[in-house]
C-alpha atoms as a PDB file:
ATOM      1  CA  MET A   1      31.865 -72.915 -32.333  1.00  0.00           C
ATOM      2  CA  PHE A   2      28.711 -71.308 -33.665  1.00  0.00           C
ATOM      3  CA  PHE A   3      29.013 -68.238 -35.804  1.00  0.00           C
ATOM      4  CA  LEU A   4      26.228 -65.778 -36.365  1.00  0.00           C
ATOM      5  CA  PRO A   5      24.859 -65.722 -39.900  1.00  0.00           C
ATOM      6  CA  LEU A   6      27.000 -64.089 -42.514  1.00  0.00           C
ATOM      7  CA  PRO A   7      25.753 -63.073 -45.948  1.00  0.00           C
ATOM      8  CA  VAL A   8      25.872 -66.041 -48.288  1.00  0.00           C
ATOM      9  CA  PRO A   9      28.081 -64.976 -51.186  1.00  0.00           C
ATOM     10  CA  SER A  10      27.496 -65.595 -54.860  1.00  0.00           C
ATOM     11  CA  LEU A  11      29.847 -68.489 -55.445  1.00  0.00           C
ATOM     12  CA  SER A  12      32.096 -69.066 -58.401  1.00  0.00           C
ATOM     13  CA  ARG A  13      33.320 -72.605 -58.998  1.00  0.00           C
ATOM     14  CA  PRO A  14      36.915 -71.918 -57.781  1.00  0.00           C
ATOM     15  CA  SER A  15      35.596 -70.123 -54.693  1.00  0.00           C
ATOM     16  CA  MET A  16      33.243 -73.014 -53.940  1.00  0.00           C
ATOM     17  CA  ALA A  17      36.031 -75.568 -54.330  1.00  0.00           C
ATOM     18  CA  SER A  18      38.471 -73.663 -52.117  1.00  0.00           C
ATOM     19  CA  GLY A  19      35.788 -73.016 -49.504  1.00  0.00           C
ATOM     20  CA  LEU A  20      34.793 -76.670 -49.344  1.00  0.00           C
ATOM     21  CA  ALA A  21      38.438 -77.715 -49.036  1.00  0.00           C
ATOM     22  CA  MET A  22      39.016 -75.227 -46.203  1.00  0.00           C
ATOM     23  CA  ALA A  23      35.885 -76.317 -44.329  1.00  0.00           C
ATOM     24  CA  LEU A  24      36.821 -79.985 -44.718  1.00  0.00           C
ATOM     25  CA  LEU A  25      40.436 -79.504 -43.596  1.00  0.00           C
ATOM     26  CA  GLY A  26      39.335 -77.299 -40.709  1.00  0.00           C
ATOM     27  CA  ALA A  27      36.846 -79.881 -39.438  1.00  0.00           C
ATOM     28  CA  VAL A  28      39.396 -82.712 -39.655  1.00  0.00           C
ATOM     29  CA  ALA A  29      42.091 -80.592 -37.974  1.00  0.00           C
ATOM     30  CA  PHE A  30      39.781 -79.710 -35.088  1.00  0.00           C
ATOM     31  CA  SER A  31      38.904 -83.374 -34.671  1.00  0.00           C
ATOM     32  CA  GLY A  32      42.575 -84.239 -34.290  1.00  0.00           C
ATOM     33  CA  LYS A  33      42.770 -82.444 -30.960  1.00  0.00           C
ATOM     34  CA  ALA A  34      41.396 -85.388 -28.994  1.00  0.00           C
ATOM     35  CA  ILE A  35      43.846 -87.748 -30.705  1.00  0.00           C
ATOM     36  CA  ILE A  36      46.794 -85.536 -29.784  1.00  0.00           C
ATOM     37  CA  VAL A  37      45.655 -85.287 -26.154  1.00  0.00           C
ATOM     38  CA  LYS A  38      45.270 -89.054 -25.813  1.00  0.00           C
ATOM     39  CA  LEU A  39      48.724 -89.616 -27.329  1.00  0.00           C
ATOM     40  CA  ALA A  40      50.265 -87.086 -24.929  1.00  0.00           C
ATOM     41  CA  TYR A  41      48.725 -88.809 -21.902  1.00  0.00           C
ATOM     42  CA  ARG A  42      50.627 -91.950 -22.868  1.00  0.00           C
ATOM     43  CA  HIS A  43      53.840 -90.031 -22.102  1.00  0.00           C
ATOM     44  CA  GLY A  44      52.784 -89.244 -18.532  1.00  0.00           C
ATOM     45  CA  VAL A  45      51.912 -85.566 -18.885  1.00  0.00           C
ATOM     46  CA  ASP A  46      48.980 -84.297 -16.790  1.00  0.00           C
ATOM     47  CA  THR A  47      45.992 -82.244 -17.924  1.00  0.00           C
ATOM     48  CA  ILE A  48      47.053 -78.907 -16.415  1.00  0.00           C
ATOM     49  CA  THR A  49      50.530 -79.065 -17.934  1.00  0.00           C
ATOM     50  CA  PHE A  50      49.480 -80.155 -21.406  1.00  0.00           C
ATOM     51  CA  LEU A  51      46.672 -77.596 -21.596  1.00  0.00           C
ATOM     52  CA  MET A  52      49.100 -74.865 -20.536  1.00  0.00           C
ATOM     53  CA  LEU A  53      51.586 -75.873 -23.252  1.00  0.00           C
ATOM     54  CA  ARG A  54      48.848 -75.759 -25.878  1.00  0.00           C
ATOM     55  CA  MET A  55      47.736 -72.269 -24.880  1.00  0.00           C
ATOM     56  CA  LEU A  56      51.253 -70.931 -24.327  1.00  0.00           C
ATOM     57  CA  LEU A  57      52.326 -71.954 -27.818  1.00  0.00           C
ATOM     58  CA  ALA A  58      49.095 -70.679 -29.376  1.00  0.00           C
ATOM     59  CA  LEU A  59      49.152 -67.330 -27.530  1.00  0.00           C
ATOM     60  CA  PRO A  60      51.318 -65.432 -30.073  1.00  0.00           C
ATOM     61  CA  PHE A  61      48.951 -66.439 -32.863  1.00  0.00           C
ATOM     62  CA  PHE A  62      45.903 -65.291 -30.889  1.00  0.00           C
ATOM     63  CA  VAL A  63      47.573 -61.951 -30.115  1.00  0.00           C
ATOM     64  CA  VAL A  64      48.229 -61.406 -33.830  1.00  0.00           C
ATOM     65  CA  MET A  65      44.653 -62.493 -34.626  1.00  0.00           C
ATOM     66  CA  ALA A  66      43.173 -59.997 -32.152  1.00  0.00           C
ATOM     67  CA  TRP A  67      45.451 -57.191 -33.412  1.00  0.00           C
ATOM     68  CA  TRP A  68      44.826 -57.906 -37.100  1.00  0.00           C
ATOM     69  CA  SER A  69      41.043 -58.086 -36.768  1.00  0.00           C
ATOM     70  CA  GLY A  70      40.961 -54.986 -34.549  1.00  0.00           C
ATOM     71  CA  ARG A  71      43.130 -52.677 -36.673  1.00  0.00           C
ATOM     72  CA  ALA A  72      41.742 -49.716 -38.583  1.00  0.00           C
ATOM     73  CA  ARG A  73      41.002 -50.231 -42.277  1.00  0.00           C
ATOM     74  CA  GLY A  74      41.177 -46.958 -44.167  1.00  0.00           C
ATOM     75  CA  ASP A  75      38.783 -44.498 -42.554  1.00  0.00           C
ATOM     76  CA  ARG A  76      36.930 -47.233 -40.691  1.00  0.00           C
ATOM     77  CA  ALA A  77      38.146 -47.674 -37.129  1.00  0.00           C
ATOM     78  CA  PRO A  78      36.920 -50.722 -35.175  1.00  0.00           C
ATOM     79  CA  PRO A  79      34.786 -49.986 -32.107  1.00  0.00           C
ATOM     80  CA  ALA A  80      36.824 -49.290 -28.988  1.00  0.00           C
ATOM     81  CA  LEU A  81      36.424 -51.778 -26.164  1.00  0.00           C
ATOM     82  CA  SER A  82      34.143 -50.440 -23.458  1.00  0.00           C
ATOM     83  CA  ARG A  83      34.326 -51.613 -19.868  1.00  0.00           C
ATOM     84  CA  ARG A  84      31.320 -53.813 -20.548  1.00  0.00           C
ATOM     85  CA  ASP A  85      33.083 -55.277 -23.605  1.00  0.00           C
ATOM     86  CA  VAL A  86      36.194 -56.082 -21.550  1.00  0.00           C
ATOM     87  CA  LEU A  87      34.147 -57.817 -18.844  1.00  0.00           C
ATOM     88  CA  GLY A  88      32.249 -59.721 -21.525  1.00  0.00           C
ATOM     89  CA  VAL A  89      35.457 -60.861 -23.245  1.00  0.00           C
ATOM     90  CA  VAL A  90      36.925 -62.009 -19.913  1.00  0.00           C
ATOM     91  CA  TRP A  91      33.763 -63.941 -19.047  1.00  0.00           C
ATOM     92  CA  LEU A  92      33.526 -65.549 -22.462  1.00  0.00           C
ATOM     93  CA  GLY A  93      37.240 -66.374 -22.467  1.00  0.00           C
ATOM     94  CA  PHE A  94      36.826 -68.063 -19.084  1.00  0.00           C
ATOM     95  CA  THR A  95      33.721 -70.100 -19.904  1.00  0.00           C
ATOM     96  CA  GLY A  96      34.142 -70.750 -23.620  1.00  0.00           C
ATOM     97  CA  TYR A  97      37.853 -71.437 -23.909  1.00  0.00           C
ATOM     98  CA  TYR A  98      39.507 -71.941 -20.524  1.00  0.00           C
ATOM     99  CA  LEU A  99      36.897 -73.858 -18.529  1.00  0.00           C
ATOM    100  CA  ALA A 100      35.505 -75.769 -21.508  1.00  0.00           C
ATOM    101  CA  SER A 101      39.019 -76.775 -22.613  1.00  0.00           C
ATOM    102  CA  PHE A 102      40.133 -77.784 -19.114  1.00  0.00           C
ATOM    103  CA  LEU A 103      37.071 -79.971 -18.520  1.00  0.00           C
ATOM    104  CA  ASP A 104      37.438 -81.512 -21.978  1.00  0.00           C
ATOM    105  CA  PHE A 105      41.121 -82.348 -21.496  1.00  0.00           C
ATOM    106  CA  ALA A 106      40.402 -83.759 -18.030  1.00  0.00           C
ATOM    107  CA  GLY A 107      37.581 -85.948 -19.355  1.00  0.00           C
ATOM    108  CA  LEU A 108      39.782 -87.387 -22.100  1.00  0.00           C
ATOM    109  CA  ALA A 109      41.850 -89.093 -19.401  1.00  0.00           C
ATOM    110  CA  TYR A 110      38.889 -91.414 -18.731  1.00  0.00           C
ATOM    111  CA  ILE A 111      37.050 -91.961 -22.029  1.00  0.00           C
ATOM    112  CA  SER A 112      37.888 -92.686 -25.640  1.00  0.00           C
ATOM    113  CA  ALA A 113      38.462 -89.946 -28.199  1.00  0.00           C
ATOM    114  CA  SER A 114      35.501 -91.225 -30.222  1.00  0.00           C
ATOM    115  CA  PHE A 115      33.068 -90.935 -27.319  1.00  0.00           C
ATOM    116  CA  GLU A 116      34.446 -87.511 -26.351  1.00  0.00           C
ATOM    117  CA  ARG A 117      33.750 -86.195 -29.853  1.00  0.00           C
ATOM    118  CA  LEU A 118      30.152 -87.432 -29.736  1.00  0.00           C
ATOM    119  CA  VAL A 119      29.477 -85.754 -26.384  1.00  0.00           C
ATOM    120  CA  LEU A 120      30.943 -82.457 -27.611  1.00  0.00           C
ATOM    121  CA  TYR A 121      28.897 -82.709 -30.794  1.00  0.00           C
ATOM    122  CA  LEU A 122      25.789 -82.315 -28.615  1.00  0.00           C
ATOM    123  CA  ASN A 123      26.620 -78.594 -28.397  1.00  0.00           C
ATOM    124  CA  PRO A 124      23.800 -77.454 -30.730  1.00  0.00           C
ATOM    125  CA  THR A 125      21.262 -79.356 -28.633  1.00  0.00           C
ATOM    126  CA  LEU A 126      22.548 -77.719 -25.444  1.00  0.00           C
ATOM    127  CA  VAL A 127      22.304 -74.269 -27.035  1.00  0.00           C
ATOM    128  CA  LEU A 128      18.728 -75.147 -27.994  1.00  0.00           C
ATOM    129  CA  ILE A 129      17.891 -76.214 -24.425  1.00  0.00           C
ATOM    130  CA  LEU A 130      19.579 -73.149 -22.903  1.00  0.00           C
ATOM    131  CA  GLY A 131      17.621 -70.940 -25.287  1.00  0.00           C
ATOM    132  CA  ALA A 132      14.401 -72.453 -23.964  1.00  0.00           C
ATOM    133  CA  LEU A 133      15.468 -72.165 -20.308  1.00  0.00           C
ATOM    134  CA  LEU A 134      17.063 -68.706 -20.432  1.00  0.00           C
ATOM    135  CA  TYR A 135      15.047 -66.933 -23.114  1.00  0.00           C
ATOM    136  CA  GLY A 136      11.792 -68.845 -23.279  1.00  0.00           C
ATOM    137  CA  ARG A 137      12.329 -69.947 -26.876  1.00  0.00           C
ATOM    138  CA  ARG A 138       9.971 -72.646 -28.063  1.00  0.00           C
ATOM    139  CA  ILE A 139      11.324 -76.081 -28.981  1.00  0.00           C
ATOM    140  CA  SER A 140       9.397 -77.565 -31.879  1.00  0.00           C
ATOM    141  CA  ARG A 141       8.256 -81.176 -32.184  1.00  0.00           C
ATOM    142  CA  PHE A 142      10.951 -81.826 -34.788  1.00  0.00           C
ATOM    143  CA  GLN A 143      13.592 -80.420 -32.459  1.00  0.00           C
ATOM    144  CA  TRP A 144      12.367 -82.612 -29.593  1.00  0.00           C
ATOM    145  CA  ALA A 145      12.671 -85.565 -31.947  1.00  0.00           C
ATOM    146  CA  GLY A 146      16.205 -84.479 -32.853  1.00  0.00           C
ATOM    147  CA  LEU A 147      17.091 -84.208 -29.162  1.00  0.00           C
ATOM    148  CA  ALA A 148      15.784 -87.712 -28.496  1.00  0.00           C
ATOM    149  CA  ILE A 149      17.710 -89.160 -31.450  1.00  0.00           C
ATOM    150  CA  SER A 150      21.030 -87.505 -30.579  1.00  0.00           C
ATOM    151  CA  TYR A 151      20.940 -88.311 -26.859  1.00  0.00           C
ATOM    152  CA  GLY A 152      19.840 -91.852 -27.671  1.00  0.00           C
ATOM    153  CA  GLY A 153      23.014 -92.193 -29.747  1.00  0.00           C
ATOM    154  CA  VAL A 154      25.138 -91.005 -26.823  1.00  0.00           C
ATOM    155  CA  VAL A 155      23.460 -93.478 -24.467  1.00  0.00           C
ATOM    156  CA  LEU A 156      24.113 -96.270 -26.961  1.00  0.00           C
ATOM    157  CA  VAL A 157      27.852 -95.495 -27.156  1.00  0.00           C
ATOM    158  CA  PHE A 158      28.013 -94.858 -23.398  1.00  0.00           C
ATOM    159  CA  GLY A 159      26.844 -98.382 -22.630  1.00  0.00           C
ATOM    160  CA  HIS A 160      29.464 -99.791 -24.973  1.00  0.00           C
ATOM    161  CA  GLU A 161      32.134 -97.534 -23.426  1.00  0.00           C
ATOM    162  CA  VAL A 162      31.368 -98.745 -19.895  1.00  0.00           C
ATOM    163  CA  GLN A 163      31.972-102.333 -20.985  1.00  0.00           C
ATOM    164  CA  LEU A 164      35.339-101.440 -22.520  1.00  0.00           C
ATOM    165  CA  VAL A 165      36.735 -98.906 -20.029  1.00  0.00           C
ATOM    166  CA  GLY A 166      34.870 -99.435 -16.764  1.00  0.00           C
ATOM    167  CA  GLU A 167      33.130 -97.186 -14.255  1.00  0.00           C
ATOM    168  CA  ASP A 168      35.534 -94.267 -14.851  1.00  0.00           C
ATOM    169  CA  VAL A 169      33.465 -93.556 -17.956  1.00  0.00           C
ATOM    170  CA  TRP A 170      30.916 -91.862 -15.692  1.00  0.00           C
ATOM    171  CA  LEU A 171      33.529 -89.357 -14.545  1.00  0.00           C
ATOM    172  CA  GLY A 172      34.971 -88.794 -18.011  1.00  0.00           C
ATOM    173  CA  ALA A 173      31.573 -88.396 -19.652  1.00  0.00           C
ATOM    174  CA  GLY A 174      30.491 -86.017 -16.909  1.00  0.00           C
ATOM    175  CA  LEU A 175      33.572 -83.829 -17.347  1.00  0.00           C
ATOM    176  CA  VAL A 176      33.225 -83.666 -21.131  1.00  0.00           C
ATOM    177  CA  PHE A 177      29.490 -82.987 -20.891  1.00  0.00           C
ATOM    178  CA  ALA A 178      30.243 -80.170 -18.430  1.00  0.00           C
ATOM    179  CA  SER A 179      32.720 -78.870 -21.009  1.00  0.00           C
ATOM    180  CA  ALA A 180      29.967 -78.875 -23.632  1.00  0.00           C
ATOM    181  CA  VAL A 181      27.627 -77.016 -21.257  1.00  0.00           C
ATOM    182  CA  SER A 182      30.318 -74.423 -20.520  1.00  0.00           C
ATOM    183  CA  TYR A 183      30.856 -73.845 -24.222  1.00  0.00           C
ATOM    184  CA  ALA A 184      27.096 -73.701 -24.838  1.00  0.00           C
ATOM    185  CA  LEU A 185      26.877 -70.930 -22.215  1.00  0.00           C
ATOM    186  CA  TYR A 186      29.590 -69.090 -24.126  1.00  0.00           C
ATOM    187  CA  LEU A 187      27.629 -69.458 -27.349  1.00  0.00           C
ATOM    188  CA  SER A 188      24.385 -68.337 -25.719  1.00  0.00           C
ATOM    189  CA  TYR A 189      25.906 -65.101 -24.413  1.00  0.00           C
ATOM    190  CA  SER A 190      28.343 -64.263 -27.222  1.00  0.00           C
ATOM    191  CA  GLY A 191      25.876 -63.009 -29.819  1.00  0.00           C
ATOM    192  CA  GLU A 192      25.942 -59.327 -28.853  1.00  0.00           C
ATOM    193  CA  LEU A 193      29.741 -59.188 -28.670  1.00  0.00           C
ATOM    194  CA  VAL A 194      30.103 -61.018 -31.987  1.00  0.00           C
ATOM    195  CA  ARG A 195      27.904 -58.420 -33.667  1.00  0.00           C
ATOM    196  CA  ARG A 196      29.810 -55.554 -32.055  1.00  0.00           C
ATOM    197  CA  LEU A 197      33.421 -56.769 -32.300  1.00  0.00           C
ATOM    198  CA  GLY A 198      33.296 -59.359 -35.083  1.00  0.00           C
ATOM    199  CA  ALA A 199      33.773 -63.115 -34.765  1.00  0.00           C
ATOM    200  CA  LEU A 200      37.519 -63.173 -35.451  1.00  0.00           C
ATOM    201  CA  ARG A 201      38.310 -60.320 -33.056  1.00  0.00           C
ATOM    202  CA  LEU A 202      36.230 -61.889 -30.295  1.00  0.00           C
ATOM    203  CA  VAL A 203      37.864 -65.286 -30.821  1.00  0.00           C
ATOM    204  CA  GLY A 204      41.327 -63.701 -30.674  1.00  0.00           C
ATOM    205  CA  LEU A 205      40.631 -61.652 -27.540  1.00  0.00           C
ATOM    206  CA  ALA A 206      38.759 -64.384 -25.665  1.00  0.00           C
ATOM    207  CA  SER A 207      41.456 -66.921 -26.541  1.00  0.00           C
ATOM    208  CA  CYS A 208      44.134 -64.584 -25.150  1.00  0.00           C
ATOM    209  CA  VAL A 209      42.162 -64.396 -21.912  1.00  0.00           C
ATOM    210  CA  ALA A 210      41.929 -68.195 -21.795  1.00  0.00           C
ATOM    211  CA  CYS A 211      45.690 -68.450 -22.342  1.00  0.00           C
ATOM    212  CA  VAL A 212      46.268 -66.252 -19.295  1.00  0.00           C
ATOM    213  CA  PHE A 213      43.976 -68.442 -17.174  1.00  0.00           C
ATOM    214  CA  CYS A 214      45.683 -71.654 -18.332  1.00  0.00           C
ATOM    215  CA  ILE A 215      49.197 -70.326 -17.763  1.00  0.00           C
ATOM    216  CA  GLY A 216      48.226 -68.890 -14.368  1.00  0.00           C
ATOM    217  CA  GLN A 217      46.658 -72.195 -13.318  1.00  0.00           C
ATOM    218  CA  PHE A 218      49.870 -74.024 -14.187  1.00  0.00           C
ATOM    219  CA  VAL A 219      52.089 -71.558 -12.297  1.00  0.00           C
ATOM    220  CA  LEU A 220      49.891 -71.871  -9.187  1.00  0.00           C
ATOM    221  CA  LEU A 221      49.484 -75.659  -9.198  1.00  0.00           C
ATOM    222  CA  ARG A 222      52.596 -77.101 -10.858  1.00  0.00           C
ATOM    223  CA  PRO A 223      56.353 -76.517 -10.484  1.00  0.00           C
ATOM    224  CA  VAL A 224      57.756 -74.728 -13.523  1.00  0.00           C
ATOM    225  CA  SER A 225      60.843 -76.939 -13.246  1.00  0.00           C
ATOM    226  CA  GLY A 226      58.639 -79.867 -14.256  1.00  0.00           C
ATOM    227  CA  LEU A 227      58.731 -78.623 -17.843  1.00  0.00           C
ATOM    228  CA  LEU A 228      62.413 -79.512 -18.014  1.00  0.00           C
ATOM    229  CA  VAL A 229      61.788 -83.221 -17.482  1.00  0.00           C
ATOM    230  CA  LEU A 230      58.947 -83.618 -19.967  1.00  0.00           C
ATOM    231  CA  ASP A 231      59.402 -86.169 -22.702  1.00  0.00           C
ATOM    232  CA  ALA A 232      60.368 -84.579 -26.024  1.00  0.00           C
ATOM    233  CA  SER A 233      57.281 -86.171 -27.575  1.00  0.00           C
ATOM    234  CA  VAL A 234      55.068 -84.074 -25.301  1.00  0.00           C
ATOM    235  CA  TRP A 235      56.636 -80.888 -26.654  1.00  0.00           C
ATOM    236  CA  TRP A 236      56.161 -81.997 -30.265  1.00  0.00           C
ATOM    237  CA  LEU A 237      52.567 -83.009 -29.607  1.00  0.00           C
ATOM    238  CA  SER A 238      51.982 -79.625 -27.936  1.00  0.00           C
ATOM    239  CA  VAL A 239      53.273 -77.834 -31.025  1.00  0.00           C
ATOM    240  CA  VAL A 240      50.948 -79.848 -33.247  1.00  0.00           C
ATOM    241  CA  ASN A 241      48.043 -79.282 -30.858  1.00  0.00           C
ATOM    242  CA  ALA A 242      48.601 -75.515 -30.695  1.00  0.00           C
ATOM    243  CA  THR A 243      49.046 -75.021 -34.422  1.00  0.00           C
ATOM    244  CA  ALA A 244      47.476 -77.738 -36.574  1.00  0.00           C
ATOM    245  CA  CYS A 245      44.605 -78.493 -34.163  1.00  0.00           C
ATOM    246  CA  THR A 246      43.908 -75.015 -32.774  1.00  0.00           C
ATOM    247  CA  VAL A 247      45.093 -71.967 -34.730  1.00  0.00           C
ATOM    248  CA  VAL A 248      45.076 -73.342 -38.277  1.00  0.00           C
ATOM    249  CA  PRO A 249      41.497 -74.717 -38.169  1.00  0.00           C
ATOM    250  CA  VAL A 250      40.201 -71.442 -36.681  1.00  0.00           C
ATOM    251  CA  VAL A 251      41.546 -69.584 -39.705  1.00  0.00           C
ATOM    252  CA  LEU A 252      40.422 -72.258 -42.183  1.00  0.00           C
ATOM    253  CA  VAL A 253      36.850 -72.335 -40.881  1.00  0.00           C
ATOM    254  CA  MET A 254      36.625 -68.530 -40.849  1.00  0.00           C
ATOM    255  CA  MET A 255      37.836 -68.385 -44.456  1.00  0.00           C
ATOM    256  CA  ALA A 256      35.443 -71.173 -45.434  1.00  0.00           C
ATOM    257  CA  ILE A 257      32.503 -69.276 -43.928  1.00  0.00           C
ATOM    258  CA  GLU A 258      33.467 -66.182 -45.903  1.00  0.00           C
ATOM    259  CA  ARG A 259      33.346 -68.208 -49.128  1.00  0.00           C
ATOM    260  CA  LEU A 260      30.459 -70.595 -48.454  1.00  0.00           C
ATOM    261  CA  GLY A 261      28.329 -68.966 -45.807  1.00  0.00           C
ATOM    262  CA  ALA A 262      27.857 -70.425 -42.329  1.00  0.00           C
ATOM    263  CA  GLY A 263      25.170 -72.938 -43.325  1.00  0.00           C
ATOM    264  CA  LEU A 264      27.119 -74.824 -45.967  1.00  0.00           C
ATOM    265  CA  ALA A 265      30.327 -74.657 -43.901  1.00  0.00           C
ATOM    266  CA  ALA A 266      28.425 -76.204 -40.994  1.00  0.00           C
ATOM    267  CA  GLN A 267      27.219 -79.085 -43.173  1.00  0.00           C
ATOM    268  CA  VAL A 268      30.791 -79.806 -44.271  1.00  0.00           C
ATOM    269  CA  GLY A 269      31.832 -79.654 -40.605  1.00  0.00           C
ATOM    270  CA  MET A 270      29.686 -82.712 -39.903  1.00  0.00           C
ATOM    271  CA  VAL A 271      32.625 -84.771 -41.172  1.00  0.00           C
ATOM    272  CA  GLY A 272      34.317 -84.034 -37.829  1.00  0.00           C
ATOM    273  CA  PRO A 273      32.934 -86.931 -35.734  1.00  0.00           C
ATOM    274  CA  MET A 274      33.558 -89.438 -38.527  1.00  0.00           C
ATOM    275  CA  SER A 275      37.152 -88.248 -38.951  1.00  0.00           C
ATOM    276  CA  THR A 276      37.675 -88.642 -35.206  1.00  0.00           C
ATOM    277  CA  LEU A 277      36.477 -92.243 -35.399  1.00  0.00           C
ATOM    278  CA  ALA A 278      38.896 -92.975 -38.236  1.00  0.00           C
ATOM    279  CA  MET A 279      41.882 -91.278 -36.556  1.00  0.00           C
ATOM    280  CA  ALA A 280      41.122 -92.901 -33.199  1.00  0.00           C
ATOM    281  CA  ALA A 281      41.123 -96.335 -34.829  1.00  0.00           C
ATOM    282  CA  LEU A 282      44.297 -95.570 -36.778  1.00  0.00           C
ATOM    283  CA  PHE A 283      46.442 -93.833 -34.146  1.00  0.00           C
ATOM    284  CA  LEU A 284      44.953 -95.007 -30.830  1.00  0.00           C
ATOM    285  CA  ASP A 285      43.756 -98.507 -31.744  1.00  0.00           C
ATOM    286  CA  GLU A 286      40.265 -97.684 -30.483  1.00  0.00           C
ATOM    287  CA  PRO A 287      37.769-100.330 -31.645  1.00  0.00           C
ATOM    288  CA  LEU A 288      35.472 -99.205 -34.445  1.00  0.00           C
ATOM    289  CA  THR A 289      32.422-101.278 -33.539  1.00  0.00           C
ATOM    290  CA  PRO A 290      28.862-101.252 -34.905  1.00  0.00           C
ATOM    291  CA  TRP A 291      27.766 -99.725 -31.569  1.00  0.00           C
ATOM    292  CA  VAL A 292      30.092 -96.735 -32.010  1.00  0.00           C
ATOM    293  CA  LEU A 293      29.177 -96.292 -35.670  1.00  0.00           C
ATOM    294  CA  GLY A 294      25.470 -96.558 -34.914  1.00  0.00           C
ATOM    295  CA  GLY A 295      25.671 -94.090 -32.046  1.00  0.00           C
ATOM    296  CA  THR A 296      27.643 -91.654 -34.193  1.00  0.00           C
ATOM    297  CA  VAL A 297      25.043 -91.787 -36.957  1.00  0.00           C
ATOM    298  CA  LEU A 298      22.260 -91.179 -34.415  1.00  0.00           C
ATOM    299  CA  VAL A 299      24.016 -88.207 -32.807  1.00  0.00           C
ATOM    300  CA  MET A 300      24.833 -86.596 -36.144  1.00  0.00           C
ATOM    301  CA  GLY A 301      21.317 -87.243 -37.442  1.00  0.00           C
ATOM    302  CA  GLY A 302      19.710 -85.810 -34.312  1.00  0.00           C
ATOM    303  CA  VAL A 303      21.858 -82.684 -34.399  1.00  0.00           C
ATOM    304  CA  PHE A 304      21.065 -82.243 -38.086  1.00  0.00           C
ATOM    305  CA  VAL A 305      17.339 -82.437 -37.342  1.00  0.00           C
ATOM    306  CA  CYS A 306      17.672 -79.875 -34.524  1.00  0.00           C
ATOM    307  CA  THR A 307      19.661 -77.369 -36.548  1.00  0.00           C
ATOM    308  CA  ARG A 308      17.709 -77.774 -39.782  1.00  0.00           C
ATOM    309  CA  SER A 309      14.325 -77.462 -38.105  1.00  0.00           C
ATOM    310  CA  ASN A 310      15.588 -74.396 -36.237  1.00  0.00           C
ATOM    311  CA  ALA A 311      16.761 -72.597 -39.378  1.00  0.00           C
ATOM    312  CA  PRO A 312      13.436 -71.357 -40.726  1.00  0.00           C
ATOM    313  CA  ALA A 313      12.336 -70.009 -37.362  1.00  0.00           C
ATOM    314  CA  SER A 314      15.456 -68.200 -36.285  1.00  0.00           C
ATOM    315  CA  GLY A 315      17.304 -67.550 -39.490  1.00  0.00           C
ATOM    316  CA  HIS A 316      20.516 -68.655 -37.822  1.00  0.00           C
ATOM    317  CA  ASN A 317      23.049 -70.847 -39.558  1.00  0.00           C
ATOM    318  CA  ASN A 318      25.406 -72.432 -37.092  1.00  0.00           C
ATOM    319  CA  GLN A 319      28.913 -73.768 -37.411  1.00  0.00           C
ATOM    320  CA  LEU A 320      30.235 -76.100 -34.771  1.00  0.00           C
ATOM    321  CA  LYS A 321      33.827 -75.702 -33.799  1.00  0.00           C
ATOM    322  CA  GLU A 322      35.732 -76.889 -30.873  1.00  0.00           C
END
């Protein structure tokens, strides 16, 4: 996720160390989501069911998050939600958390976890493109170069993926790319609400909305009795997915941004794709080939060029989170 710029604090050495550790752990924890999903699919669970379990188990944490961030502090009461705020939260919860998550989980049934992470890591480039299309923002020559580098890396890994997996890669890549576009739309429209409600409150409220959509989708499309015959491993993986790969990294990244500022936290977050490659090789036996490593380096380098060249013009420091 991208966060709007926060004041960069004056850092003491202990604060710097703890902030770096939180940003690192948060990035690695987020990256583990794809690994957990791929492991769950080996036990026969479908996308709708596993996504519902993730959101159902995470819902209590999101409710507490929304309440905690929205409570009064001394004489300062948080802004009340207007009708426009409610509609905005529902829209952002649908696009940024429900739809993006559903498309991502569905795509993981067809492509490797490593390739999925690279496609999602294109998010900053999509926000850049949407900014040009929706708001007429200029894309600099350096940013065009960054776009070319990052998408070239994806094409490189895509060709390798087709050889390993087959033609279903087209479907999987399309679903995950649509997920990235959905989340980029969320990011493009969330700025005003973030400034009004605060990042943590908006995340909590929008995530609660997404939980309702995911649970409702399951109730409409799947028999509830099917939960009784799920393999025990699916339940354990759902617990890990909801906590260690969803709620915990949200909190860690938020705390890291408070200590480091969004810019430095974002740079630490670049460890995410590399950690996915390592975990995919370790837990899923996905091949770690020169093609995958080369494509990963290109994507990360291209995104870095886009975000760094954008910083002086916009003043925005961005943090990518899934």
